[in-house]
Amino acid sequence: MDMKLEVIGLPVSDVDAAKAFYVERVGFVLDHDHNPVPGIRVVQLTPPGSECSVVIGEGLPLGEPGTTMGVQLVVEDIDFARKQLVARGVEITEVQQLGPEGTPGSRFAFFADPDGNGWSLQEIKRG
């Protein structure tokens, strides 16, 4: 039986500010933003090229804003991806080598959304 991770919930305090951050600054695609019933708002966003999305909203059991940590966006060229995020106004760390030089998957950069939910870019060169 396959089990596919397709959506991760992120708790945020201001849905519109978080939506703007993820779409305008990080470059996620807005899949939908709707209110299925009064008091519930579901906003789903997908990183370009990803099969996994994030969901933010109102009236959803996602926890306290800013408590999600360790979500990783895997890229093939971390220097290029980081430059794109910086150009869009994302505060992100310098690239860090977190393992022996040349070890696949050992280069990272870190950023947070407006609520403090923690993200990282991880470079993995494929092929």
N, C-alpha and C. Protein backbone atom coordinates (compact mmCIF):
# COMPACT_ATOMS: atom_id res chain seq x y z
N MET A 1 0.84 -1.17 0.00
CA MET A 1 0.00 0.00 0.00
C MET A 1 0.89 1.24 0.00
N ASP A 2 0.68 2.13 -0.95
CA ASP A 2 1.40 3.40 -1.01
C ASP A 2 0.86 4.35 0.04
N MET A 3 1.72 5.14 0.62
CA MET A 3 1.33 6.23 1.52
C MET A 3 2.08 7.46 1.05
N LYS A 4 1.37 8.40 0.48
CA LYS A 4 2.01 9.58 -0.09
C LYS A 4 1.75 10.79 0.79
N LEU A 5 2.82 11.47 1.17
CA LEU A 5 2.69 12.72 1.89
C LEU A 5 2.37 13.80 0.87
N GLU A 6 1.18 14.35 0.94
CA GLU A 6 0.76 15.32 -0.06
C GLU A 6 0.42 16.69 0.48
N VAL A 7 0.14 16.79 1.79
CA VAL A 7 -0.20 18.09 2.37
C VAL A 7 0.35 18.17 3.79
N ILE A 8 0.97 19.30 4.11
CA ILE A 8 1.46 19.59 5.46
C ILE A 8 0.74 20.83 5.96
N GLY A 9 0.16 20.76 7.13
CA GLY A 9 -0.51 21.91 7.73
C GLY A 9 0.47 22.82 8.43
N LEU A 10 0.32 24.11 8.23
CA LEU A 10 1.17 25.12 8.88
C LEU A 10 0.28 26.08 9.67
N PRO A 11 0.49 26.19 10.97
CA PRO A 11 -0.31 27.13 11.75
C PRO A 11 0.21 28.56 11.58
N VAL A 12 -0.69 29.47 11.23
CA VAL A 12 -0.33 30.87 11.05
C VAL A 12 -1.35 31.76 11.76
N SER A 13 -0.93 32.95 12.13
CA SER A 13 -1.82 33.87 12.83
C SER A 13 -2.59 34.77 11.87
N ASP A 14 -2.04 35.07 10.71
CA ASP A 14 -2.67 35.95 9.73
C ASP A 14 -2.61 35.25 8.37
N VAL A 15 -3.73 34.69 7.96
CA VAL A 15 -3.77 33.90 6.73
C VAL A 15 -3.39 34.73 5.51
N ASP A 16 -3.88 35.94 5.42
CA ASP A 16 -3.57 36.77 4.25
C ASP A 16 -2.10 37.13 4.18
N ALA A 17 -1.48 37.46 5.33
CA ALA A 17 -0.05 37.77 5.34
C ALA A 17 0.78 36.54 4.99
N ALA A 18 0.39 35.38 5.52
CA ALA A 18 1.12 34.15 5.21
C ALA A 18 0.96 33.78 3.74
N LYS A 19 -0.24 33.91 3.23
CA LYS A 19 -0.50 33.62 1.81
C LYS A 19 0.37 34.52 0.92
N ALA A 20 0.42 35.80 1.23
CA ALA A 20 1.24 36.73 0.45
C ALA A 20 2.72 36.35 0.55
N PHE A 21 3.19 35.98 1.74
CA PHE A 21 4.59 35.59 1.92
C PHE A 21 4.92 34.38 1.05
N TYR A 22 4.11 33.34 1.13
CA TYR A 22 4.41 32.12 0.40
C TYR A 22 4.27 32.28 -1.12
N VAL A 23 3.31 33.06 -1.57
CA VAL A 23 3.11 33.24 -3.02
C VAL A 23 4.09 34.28 -3.58
N GLU A 24 4.11 35.47 -2.98
CA GLU A 24 4.88 36.58 -3.55
C GLU A 24 6.38 36.49 -3.25
N ARG A 25 6.73 35.98 -2.09
CA ARG A 25 8.15 35.95 -1.73
C ARG A 25 8.81 34.61 -1.99
N VAL A 26 8.17 33.53 -1.54
CA VAL A 26 8.80 32.22 -1.68
C VAL A 26 8.52 31.61 -3.06
N GLY A 27 7.44 32.03 -3.71
CA GLY A 27 7.15 31.56 -5.07
C GLY A 27 6.25 30.34 -5.16
N PHE A 28 5.51 30.03 -4.08
CA PHE A 28 4.58 28.91 -4.13
C PHE A 28 3.42 29.26 -5.05
N VAL A 29 2.78 28.22 -5.57
CA VAL A 29 1.59 28.37 -6.41
C VAL A 29 0.36 28.28 -5.51
N LEU A 30 -0.59 29.20 -5.68
CA LEU A 30 -1.84 29.15 -4.93
C LEU A 30 -2.76 28.15 -5.61
N ASP A 31 -3.04 27.04 -4.93
CA ASP A 31 -3.93 26.02 -5.47
C ASP A 31 -5.39 26.40 -5.27
N HIS A 32 -5.73 26.80 -4.07
CA HIS A 32 -7.08 27.29 -3.79
C HIS A 32 -7.13 28.04 -2.47
N ASP A 33 -8.14 28.88 -2.37
CA ASP A 33 -8.42 29.66 -1.18
C ASP A 33 -9.93 29.72 -1.09
N HIS A 34 -10.50 28.91 -0.21
CA HIS A 34 -11.96 28.90 -0.13
C HIS A 34 -12.46 28.69 1.29
N ASN A 35 -13.72 29.05 1.46
CA ASN A 35 -14.42 28.89 2.74
C ASN A 35 -15.50 27.84 2.54
N PRO A 36 -15.23 26.57 2.88
CA PRO A 36 -16.22 25.52 2.64
C PRO A 36 -17.47 25.66 3.51
N VAL A 37 -17.30 26.19 4.72
CA VAL A 37 -18.42 26.46 5.63
C VAL A 37 -18.06 27.70 6.44
N PRO A 38 -19.04 28.36 7.04
CA PRO A 38 -18.72 29.54 7.85
C PRO A 38 -17.71 29.20 8.96
N GLY A 39 -16.70 30.07 9.11
CA GLY A 39 -15.69 29.89 10.14
C GLY A 39 -14.50 29.04 9.73
N ILE A 40 -14.55 28.50 8.52
CA ILE A 40 -13.44 27.67 8.03
C ILE A 40 -12.91 28.29 6.73
N ARG A 41 -11.60 28.47 6.67
CA ARG A 41 -10.94 28.94 5.45
C ARG A 41 -9.76 28.03 5.19
N VAL A 42 -9.67 27.52 3.97
CA VAL A 42 -8.61 26.61 3.59
C VAL A 42 -7.82 27.21 2.43
N VAL A 43 -6.53 27.42 2.64
CA VAL A 43 -5.65 27.95 1.60
C VAL A 43 -4.57 26.90 1.37
N GLN A 44 -4.52 26.38 0.15
CA GLN A 44 -3.51 25.38 -0.19
C GLN A 44 -2.53 25.96 -1.18
N LEU A 45 -1.22 25.76 -0.90
CA LEU A 45 -0.14 26.31 -1.71
C LEU A 45 0.86 25.20 -1.99
N THR A 46 1.44 25.23 -3.20
CA THR A 46 2.40 24.19 -3.58
C THR A 46 3.70 24.81 -4.08
N PRO A 47 4.83 24.34 -3.52
CA PRO A 47 6.11 24.80 -4.05
C PRO A 47 6.25 24.36 -5.52
N PRO A 48 6.89 25.17 -6.36
CA PRO A 48 7.05 24.79 -7.77
C PRO A 48 7.76 23.44 -7.89
N GLY A 49 7.17 22.53 -8.67
CA GLY A 49 7.76 21.22 -8.92
C GLY A 49 7.51 20.19 -7.83
N SER A 50 6.78 20.55 -6.78
CA SER A 50 6.56 19.64 -5.67
C SER A 50 5.25 18.87 -5.82
N GLU A 51 5.23 17.67 -5.28
CA GLU A 51 4.00 16.90 -5.20
C GLU A 51 3.35 17.05 -3.84
N CYS A 52 4.00 17.78 -2.94
CA CYS A 52 3.48 18.01 -1.59
C CYS A 52 3.16 19.50 -1.43
N SER A 53 2.00 19.77 -0.87
CA SER A 53 1.54 21.14 -0.66
C SER A 53 1.53 21.47 0.83
N VAL A 54 1.31 22.75 1.12
CA VAL A 54 1.06 23.17 2.48
C VAL A 54 -0.34 23.75 2.54
N VAL A 55 -0.96 23.64 3.69
CA VAL A 55 -2.27 24.23 3.90
C VAL A 55 -2.21 25.14 5.12
N ILE A 56 -2.78 26.33 4.96
CA ILE A 56 -2.93 27.29 6.05
C ILE A 56 -4.40 27.65 6.08
N GLY A 57 -4.84 28.28 7.13
CA GLY A 57 -6.24 28.67 7.14
C GLY A 57 -6.74 29.12 8.48
N GLU A 58 -8.06 29.22 8.55
CA GLU A 58 -8.75 29.62 9.77
C GLU A 58 -9.71 28.51 10.15
N GLY A 59 -9.81 28.25 11.45
CA GLY A 59 -10.74 27.23 11.93
C GLY A 59 -10.24 25.82 11.71
N LEU A 60 -8.94 25.67 11.42
CA LEU A 60 -8.36 24.35 11.18
C LEU A 60 -7.53 23.94 12.39
N PRO A 61 -7.48 22.65 12.73
CA PRO A 61 -6.70 22.20 13.89
C PRO A 61 -5.22 22.03 13.56
N LEU A 62 -4.52 23.16 13.40
CA LEU A 62 -3.12 23.12 12.95
C LEU A 62 -2.12 23.44 14.06
N GLY A 63 -2.58 23.79 15.24
CA GLY A 63 -1.65 24.10 16.32
C GLY A 63 -1.41 25.60 16.45
N GLU A 64 -0.41 25.92 17.26
CA GLU A 64 -0.07 27.32 17.53
C GLU A 64 0.82 27.88 16.41
N PRO A 65 0.55 29.10 15.95
CA PRO A 65 1.39 29.72 14.92
C PRO A 65 2.86 29.73 15.32
N GLY A 66 3.71 29.40 14.36
CA GLY A 66 5.15 29.45 14.56
C GLY A 66 5.75 28.20 15.18
N THR A 67 4.97 27.14 15.33
CA THR A 67 5.48 25.94 16.00
C THR A 67 5.98 24.86 15.04
N THR A 68 5.80 25.03 13.76
CA THR A 68 6.27 24.04 12.80
C THR A 68 7.73 24.33 12.47
N MET A 69 8.57 23.32 12.59
CA MET A 69 10.00 23.49 12.33
C MET A 69 10.50 22.32 11.47
N GLY A 70 11.56 22.58 10.72
CA GLY A 70 12.23 21.50 10.01
C GLY A 70 11.67 21.12 8.66
N VAL A 71 10.75 21.90 8.11
CA VAL A 71 10.24 21.59 6.78
C VAL A 71 11.32 21.96 5.77
N GLN A 72 11.61 21.04 4.84
CA GLN A 72 12.71 21.26 3.90
C GLN A 72 12.20 21.37 2.47
N LEU A 73 12.77 22.32 1.76
CA LEU A 73 12.59 22.45 0.32
C LEU A 73 13.89 21.99 -0.31
N VAL A 74 13.84 20.95 -1.11
CA VAL A 74 15.04 20.40 -1.73
C VAL A 74 15.22 21.05 -3.10
N VAL A 75 16.42 21.55 -3.35
CA VAL A 75 16.75 22.22 -4.61
C VAL A 75 18.04 21.63 -5.17
N GLU A 76 18.22 21.78 -6.47
CA GLU A 76 19.45 21.28 -7.09
C GLU A 76 20.59 22.29 -7.01
N ASP A 77 20.25 23.58 -6.96
CA ASP A 77 21.27 24.63 -6.90
C ASP A 77 20.89 25.61 -5.79
N ILE A 78 21.43 25.38 -4.62
CA ILE A 78 21.04 26.18 -3.46
C ILE A 78 21.47 27.63 -3.59
N ASP A 79 22.58 27.89 -4.23
CA ASP A 79 23.04 29.28 -4.38
C ASP A 79 22.05 30.07 -5.24
N PHE A 80 21.59 29.47 -6.33
CA PHE A 80 20.62 30.12 -7.20
C PHE A 80 19.29 30.30 -6.48
N ALA A 81 18.80 29.25 -5.80
CA ALA A 81 17.52 29.33 -5.09
C ALA A 81 17.58 30.38 -4.00
N ARG A 82 18.67 30.44 -3.28
CA ARG A 82 18.82 31.42 -2.22
C ARG A 82 18.79 32.84 -2.79
N LYS A 83 19.50 33.05 -3.89
CA LYS A 83 19.51 34.38 -4.53
C LYS A 83 18.11 34.80 -4.94
N GLN A 84 17.32 33.85 -5.46
CA GLN A 84 15.94 34.16 -5.84
C GLN A 84 15.12 34.60 -4.63
N LEU A 85 15.26 33.88 -3.53
CA LEU A 85 14.52 34.23 -2.32
C LEU A 85 14.95 35.58 -1.77
N VAL A 86 16.24 35.85 -1.74
CA VAL A 86 16.74 37.14 -1.28
C VAL A 86 16.18 38.26 -2.17
N ALA A 87 16.16 38.05 -3.48
CA ALA A 87 15.65 39.07 -4.41
C ALA A 87 14.16 39.35 -4.17
N ARG A 88 13.43 38.38 -3.64
CA ARG A 88 12.01 38.57 -3.35
C ARG A 88 11.77 39.06 -1.92
N GLY A 89 12.84 39.33 -1.18
CA GLY A 89 12.69 39.89 0.16
C GLY A 89 12.63 38.89 1.30
N VAL A 90 12.99 37.64 1.06
CA VAL A 90 12.99 36.65 2.13
C VAL A 90 14.29 36.77 2.92
N GLU A 91 14.19 36.85 4.24
CA GLU A 91 15.38 36.86 5.09
C GLU A 91 15.81 35.41 5.25
N ILE A 92 16.98 35.08 4.73
CA ILE A 92 17.47 33.70 4.73
C ILE A 92 18.95 33.71 5.09
N THR A 93 19.39 32.67 5.78
CA THR A 93 20.79 32.60 6.18
C THR A 93 21.69 32.40 4.96
N GLU A 94 22.97 32.60 5.18
CA GLU A 94 23.95 32.21 4.17
C GLU A 94 23.89 30.69 4.04
N VAL A 95 24.41 30.17 2.94
CA VAL A 95 24.49 28.72 2.76
C VAL A 95 25.48 28.16 3.76
N GLN A 96 25.09 27.08 4.42
CA GLN A 96 25.93 26.45 5.43
C GLN A 96 26.27 25.02 5.03
N GLN A 97 27.48 24.65 5.22
CA GLN A 97 27.95 23.28 4.97
C GLN A 97 27.78 22.52 6.28
N LEU A 98 26.85 21.57 6.34
CA LEU A 98 26.56 20.86 7.58
C LEU A 98 27.03 19.41 7.56
N GLY A 99 28.03 19.16 6.81
CA GLY A 99 28.65 17.84 6.74
C GLY A 99 29.95 17.98 5.99
N PRO A 100 30.63 16.88 5.77
CA PRO A 100 31.88 16.96 5.01
C PRO A 100 31.65 17.57 3.62
N GLU A 101 32.55 18.45 3.23
CA GLU A 101 32.48 19.09 1.90
C GLU A 101 32.30 18.03 0.82
N GLY A 102 31.36 18.26 -0.07
CA GLY A 102 31.11 17.33 -1.17
C GLY A 102 30.13 16.21 -0.84
N THR A 103 29.71 16.11 0.41
CA THR A 103 28.74 15.10 0.78
C THR A 103 27.36 15.50 0.26
N PRO A 104 26.69 14.64 -0.51
CA PRO A 104 25.36 14.99 -1.02
C PRO A 104 24.39 15.34 0.11
N GLY A 105 23.65 16.40 -0.09
CA GLY A 105 22.65 16.81 0.87
C GLY A 105 23.17 17.52 2.10
N SER A 106 24.40 18.03 2.05
CA SER A 106 24.97 18.64 3.26
C SER A 106 25.02 20.17 3.23
N ARG A 107 24.44 20.79 2.18
CA ARG A 107 24.41 22.26 2.11
C ARG A 107 22.99 22.75 2.38
N PHE A 108 22.87 23.69 3.32
CA PHE A 108 21.56 24.18 3.77
C PHE A 108 21.56 25.70 3.89
N ALA A 109 20.36 26.28 3.82
CA ALA A 109 20.11 27.67 4.19
C ALA A 109 18.74 27.68 4.86
N PHE A 110 18.55 28.60 5.82
CA PHE A 110 17.36 28.57 6.65
C PHE A 110 16.60 29.90 6.61
N PHE A 111 15.25 29.80 6.68
CA PHE A 111 14.41 30.98 6.75
C PHE A 111 13.15 30.64 7.53
N ALA A 112 12.38 31.66 7.86
CA ALA A 112 11.12 31.47 8.59
C ALA A 112 10.04 32.31 7.94
N ASP A 113 8.79 31.87 8.11
CA ASP A 113 7.66 32.66 7.62
C ASP A 113 7.36 33.76 8.64
N PRO A 114 6.38 34.63 8.37
CA PRO A 114 6.11 35.74 9.30
C PRO A 114 5.78 35.31 10.73
N ASP A 115 5.30 34.08 10.92
CA ASP A 115 4.97 33.59 12.27
C ASP A 115 6.13 32.87 12.94
N GLY A 116 7.20 32.59 12.19
CA GLY A 116 8.33 31.88 12.76
C GLY A 116 8.36 30.39 12.45
N ASN A 117 7.45 29.90 11.61
CA ASN A 117 7.55 28.51 11.16
C ASN A 117 8.86 28.36 10.40
N GLY A 118 9.67 27.36 10.78
CA GLY A 118 11.02 27.23 10.25
C GLY A 118 11.14 26.35 9.03
N TRP A 119 11.84 26.87 8.03
CA TRP A 119 12.07 26.18 6.76
C TRP A 119 13.56 26.08 6.49
N SER A 120 13.93 25.13 5.66
CA SER A 120 15.30 25.09 5.17
C SER A 120 15.30 24.73 3.70
N LEU A 121 16.32 25.24 3.02
CA LEU A 121 16.63 24.79 1.67
C LEU A 121 17.73 23.75 1.85
N GLN A 122 17.61 22.65 1.15
CA GLN A 122 18.66 21.63 1.15
C GLN A 122 19.03 21.36 -0.29
N GLU A 123 20.31 21.40 -0.57
CA GLU A 123 20.78 21.12 -1.94
C GLU A 123 21.04 19.64 -2.11
N ILE A 124 20.36 19.04 -3.06
CA ILE A 124 20.62 17.66 -3.47
C ILE A 124 20.69 17.65 -4.99
N LYS A 125 21.85 17.38 -5.51
CA LYS A 125 22.03 17.32 -6.96
C LYS A 125 21.61 15.91 -7.42
N ARG A 126 20.66 15.85 -8.32
CA ARG A 126 20.13 14.58 -8.80
C ARG A 126 20.78 14.20 -10.12
N GLY A 127 20.86 12.90 -10.35
CA GLY A 127 21.33 12.41 -11.65
C GLY A 127 22.75 12.37 -11.81
